[in-house]
Amino acid sequence: QVQLVESGGGLVQAGGSLRLSCAASGRAVRSYAMGWFRQAPGNERKFVGSISRSGSTTIYTDSVKGRFTISRDNAKNTVYLQMNSLRPEDTAVYYCAADADKTYVDFLRMSGLEVWGQGTLVTVSS
């Protein structure tokens, strides 16, 4: 079983950038497809993007395409979410998730994922 801890959130002005990290322990993350989700105030948790076990393939929700990039360094047991050109509507608690059985494509369904981190808050001011 893997445990996930997100970090890197904070307050940033619109147009700025942040890089979130998701550090794993307990099992090598290469065994897991990984994804990022976010939950804005008063809204349900939504899919942001996901990455295959090898890191060769990624999927993003339309609202972040061209601005956010997911990457993974399996040797460091860490997955990253680079966020550029941030907008106030990106404000949310960001969560990473992992699953040993599902594919990265399955993360689009946003249900039944095996392991979640505790979340890190990103606040984008205008």
C-alpha atoms as a PDB file:
ATOM      1  CA  GLN A   1       0.000   0.000   0.000  1.00  0.00           C
ATOM      2  CA  VAL A   2       1.170   3.499  -0.804  1.00  0.00           C
ATOM      3  CA  GLN A   3       0.670   6.710   1.167  1.00  0.00           C
ATOM      4  CA  LEU A   4       0.544  10.083  -0.581  1.00  0.00           C
ATOM      5  CA  VAL A   5       1.388  13.558   0.721  1.00  0.00           C
ATOM      6  CA  GLU A   6       0.835  16.683  -1.369  1.00  0.00           C
ATOM      7  CA  SER A   7       2.830  19.865  -0.952  1.00  0.00           C
ATOM      8  CA  GLY A   8       3.553  23.100  -2.791  1.00  0.00           C
ATOM      9  CA  GLY A   9       0.241  24.880  -2.467  1.00  0.00           C
ATOM     10  CA  GLY A  10      -0.046  28.492  -1.459  1.00  0.00           C
ATOM     11  CA  LEU A  11      -1.189  31.945  -2.482  1.00  0.00           C
ATOM     12  CA  VAL A  12      -0.285  33.199  -5.933  1.00  0.00           C
ATOM     13  CA  GLN A  13      -1.439  36.073  -8.117  1.00  0.00           C
ATOM     14  CA  ALA A  14      -3.282  35.459 -11.354  1.00  0.00           C
ATOM     15  CA  GLY A  15      -0.836  34.668 -14.123  1.00  0.00           C
ATOM     16  CA  GLY A  16       1.656  33.129 -11.745  1.00  0.00           C
ATOM     17  CA  SER A  17       2.881  29.575 -11.388  1.00  0.00           C
ATOM     18  CA  LEU A  18       3.103  26.865  -8.772  1.00  0.00           C
ATOM     19  CA  ARG A  19       4.429  23.342  -8.772  1.00  0.00           C
ATOM     20  CA  LEU A  20       2.685  20.804  -6.605  1.00  0.00           C
ATOM     21  CA  SER A  21       4.395  17.633  -5.474  1.00  0.00           C
ATOM     22  CA  CYS A  22       2.903  14.332  -4.431  1.00  0.00           C
ATOM     23  CA  ALA A  23       5.382  12.257  -2.476  1.00  0.00           C
ATOM     24  CA  ALA A  24       4.689   8.567  -2.033  1.00  0.00           C
ATOM     25  CA  SER A  25       5.844   6.101   0.566  1.00  0.00           C
ATOM     26  CA  GLY A  26       5.170   2.470   1.316  1.00  0.00           C
ATOM     27  CA  ARG A  27       5.394   1.208  -2.257  1.00  0.00           C
ATOM     28  CA  ALA A  28       7.102   2.383  -5.420  1.00  0.00           C
ATOM     29  CA  VAL A  29       4.816   4.680  -7.394  1.00  0.00           C
ATOM     30  CA  ARG A  30       5.772   2.999 -10.646  1.00  0.00           C
ATOM     31  CA  SER A  31       3.177   0.400  -9.679  1.00  0.00           C
ATOM     32  CA  TYR A  32       0.403   3.001  -9.734  1.00  0.00           C
ATOM     33  CA  ALA A  33      -1.352   5.126 -12.246  1.00  0.00           C
ATOM     34  CA  MET A  34      -1.538   8.611 -10.755  1.00  0.00           C
ATOM     35  CA  GLY A  35      -3.828  11.566 -11.067  1.00  0.00           C
ATOM     36  CA  TRP A  36      -4.612  15.032  -9.772  1.00  0.00           C
ATOM     37  CA  PHE A  37      -8.006  16.337  -8.725  1.00  0.00           C
ATOM     38  CA  ARG A  38      -9.239  19.570  -7.246  1.00  0.00           C
ATOM     39  CA  GLN A  39     -12.165  20.710  -5.169  1.00  0.00           C
ATOM     40  CA  ALA A  40     -13.159  24.356  -5.229  1.00  0.00           C
ATOM     41  CA  PRO A  41     -15.255  25.918  -2.454  1.00  0.00           C
ATOM     42  CA  GLY A  42     -18.838  24.732  -2.689  1.00  0.00           C
ATOM     43  CA  ASN A  43     -18.111  22.321  -5.539  1.00  0.00           C
ATOM     44  CA  GLU A  44     -17.527  18.629  -5.982  1.00  0.00           C
ATOM     45  CA  ARG A  45     -14.093  17.171  -6.503  1.00  0.00           C
ATOM     46  CA  LYS A  46     -13.172  17.231 -10.174  1.00  0.00           C
ATOM     47  CA  PHE A  47     -10.605  15.609 -12.415  1.00  0.00           C
ATOM     48  CA  VAL A  48      -7.570  17.680 -13.376  1.00  0.00           C
ATOM     49  CA  GLY A  49      -5.264  15.214 -15.083  1.00  0.00           C
ATOM     50  CA  SER A  50      -3.691  11.796 -14.896  1.00  0.00           C
ATOM     51  CA  ILE A  51      -0.513  10.056 -15.947  1.00  0.00           C
ATOM     52  CA  SER A  52       0.324   6.515 -16.944  1.00  0.00           C
ATOM     53  CA  ARG A  53       2.593   4.299 -14.877  1.00  0.00           C
ATOM     54  CA  SER A  54       5.528   4.911 -17.171  1.00  0.00           C
ATOM     55  CA  GLY A  55       4.876   8.633 -17.377  1.00  0.00           C
ATOM     56  CA  SER A  56       4.699   8.491 -21.150  1.00  0.00           C
ATOM     57  CA  THR A  57       1.046   9.485 -21.477  1.00  0.00           C
ATOM     58  CA  THR A  58      -1.098  12.138 -19.824  1.00  0.00           C
ATOM     59  CA  ILE A  59      -4.700  13.318 -19.944  1.00  0.00           C
ATOM     60  CA  TYR A  60      -6.003  16.723 -18.874  1.00  0.00           C
ATOM     61  CA  THR A  61      -9.367  18.297 -18.416  1.00  0.00           C
ATOM     62  CA  ASP A  62     -10.052  20.974 -21.011  1.00  0.00           C
ATOM     63  CA  SER A  63      -9.861  23.887 -18.589  1.00  0.00           C
ATOM     64  CA  VAL A  64      -6.187  23.240 -17.780  1.00  0.00           C
ATOM     65  CA  LYS A  65      -4.855  22.079 -21.141  1.00  0.00           C
ATOM     66  CA  GLY A  66      -1.858  24.110 -22.184  1.00  0.00           C
ATOM     67  CA  ARG A  67      -1.392  25.486 -18.665  1.00  0.00           C
ATOM     68  CA  PHE A  68      -0.879  22.458 -16.408  1.00  0.00           C
ATOM     69  CA  THR A  69       1.602  19.633 -16.852  1.00  0.00           C
ATOM     70  CA  ILE A  70       1.746  16.358 -14.950  1.00  0.00           C
ATOM     71  CA  SER A  71       5.021  14.515 -14.678  1.00  0.00           C
ATOM     72  CA  ARG A  72       6.408  11.740 -12.552  1.00  0.00           C
ATOM     73  CA  ASP A  73       9.799  10.684 -11.315  1.00  0.00           C
ATOM     74  CA  ASN A  74       9.405   7.081 -10.302  1.00  0.00           C
ATOM     75  CA  ALA A  75      12.969   6.907  -8.977  1.00  0.00           C
ATOM     76  CA  LYS A  76      12.024   9.612  -6.464  1.00  0.00           C
ATOM     77  CA  ASN A  77       8.533   8.227  -5.852  1.00  0.00           C
ATOM     78  CA  THR A  78       7.092  11.627  -6.684  1.00  0.00           C
ATOM     79  CA  VAL A  79       4.461  12.994  -9.058  1.00  0.00           C
ATOM     80  CA  TYR A  80       4.274  16.676  -9.958  1.00  0.00           C
ATOM     81  CA  LEU A  81       1.674  19.112 -11.170  1.00  0.00           C
ATOM     82  CA  GLN A  82       3.203  22.181 -12.785  1.00  0.00           C
ATOM     83  CA  MET A  83       0.605  24.941 -12.956  1.00  0.00           C
ATOM     84  CA  ASN A  84       1.244  27.982 -15.136  1.00  0.00           C
ATOM     85  CA  SER A  85      -0.898  30.971 -16.079  1.00  0.00           C
ATOM     86  CA  LEU A  86      -3.005  30.463 -12.998  1.00  0.00           C
ATOM     87  CA  ARG A  87      -6.473  31.947 -12.847  1.00  0.00           C
ATOM     88  CA  PRO A  88      -8.719  32.736  -9.881  1.00  0.00           C
ATOM     89  CA  GLU A  89     -10.999  29.884 -10.936  1.00  0.00           C
ATOM     90  CA  ASP A  90      -8.101  27.493 -10.319  1.00  0.00           C
ATOM     91  CA  THR A  91      -8.462  28.155  -6.598  1.00  0.00           C
ATOM     92  CA  ALA A  92      -9.113  24.823  -4.923  1.00  0.00           C
ATOM     93  CA  VAL A  93      -7.741  22.132  -2.697  1.00  0.00           C
ATOM     94  CA  TYR A  94      -5.652  19.902  -4.929  1.00  0.00           C
ATOM     95  CA  TYR A  95      -5.448  16.173  -4.284  1.00  0.00           C
ATOM     96  CA  CYS A  96      -3.340  13.456  -5.798  1.00  0.00           C
ATOM     97  CA  ALA A  97      -4.569   9.904  -6.109  1.00  0.00           C
ATOM     98  CA  ALA A  98      -3.105   6.540  -7.012  1.00  0.00           C
ATOM     99  CA  ASP A  99      -4.445   3.174  -8.056  1.00  0.00           C
ATOM    100  CA  ALA A 100      -2.593  -0.071  -8.606  1.00  0.00           C
ATOM    101  CA  ASP A 101      -5.300  -1.637 -10.775  1.00  0.00           C
ATOM    102  CA  LYS A 102      -6.919   1.135 -12.785  1.00  0.00           C
ATOM    103  CA  THR A 103      -5.344   2.778 -15.795  1.00  0.00           C
ATOM    104  CA  TYR A 104      -4.719   6.509 -16.001  1.00  0.00           C
ATOM    105  CA  VAL A 105      -7.715   6.744 -18.348  1.00  0.00           C
ATOM    106  CA  ASP A 106      -9.962   5.340 -15.626  1.00  0.00           C
ATOM    107  CA  PHE A 107      -9.208   8.398 -13.474  1.00  0.00           C
ATOM    108  CA  LEU A 108     -11.640  10.364 -15.616  1.00  0.00           C
ATOM    109  CA  ARG A 109     -14.459   8.535 -13.863  1.00  0.00           C
ATOM    110  CA  MET A 110     -13.410   9.989 -10.479  1.00  0.00           C
ATOM    111  CA  SER A 111     -14.656   7.052  -8.474  1.00  0.00           C
ATOM    112  CA  GLY A 112     -13.225   4.034  -6.713  1.00  0.00           C
ATOM    113  CA  LEU A 113      -9.617   5.226  -6.681  1.00  0.00           C
ATOM    114  CA  GLU A 114      -7.498   3.333  -4.212  1.00  0.00           C
ATOM    115  CA  VAL A 115      -5.401   5.934  -2.394  1.00  0.00           C
ATOM    116  CA  TRP A 116      -5.735   9.682  -1.853  1.00  0.00           C
ATOM    117  CA  GLY A 117      -3.480  12.308  -0.381  1.00  0.00           C
ATOM    118  CA  GLN A 118      -4.620  14.860   2.187  1.00  0.00           C
ATOM    119  CA  GLY A 119      -4.739  17.766  -0.246  1.00  0.00           C
ATOM    120  CA  THR A 120      -2.928  21.084  -0.565  1.00  0.00           C
ATOM    121  CA  LEU A 121      -4.656  24.448  -0.929  1.00  0.00           C
ATOM    122  CA  VAL A 122      -3.994  26.648  -3.941  1.00  0.00           C
ATOM    123  CA  THR A 123      -5.387  30.171  -3.816  1.00  0.00           C
ATOM    124  CA  VAL A 124      -5.134  32.398  -6.880  1.00  0.00           C
ATOM    125  CA  SER A 125      -5.832  36.065  -6.311  1.00  0.00           C
ATOM    126  CA  SER A 126      -6.899  38.577  -8.936  1.00  0.00           C
END
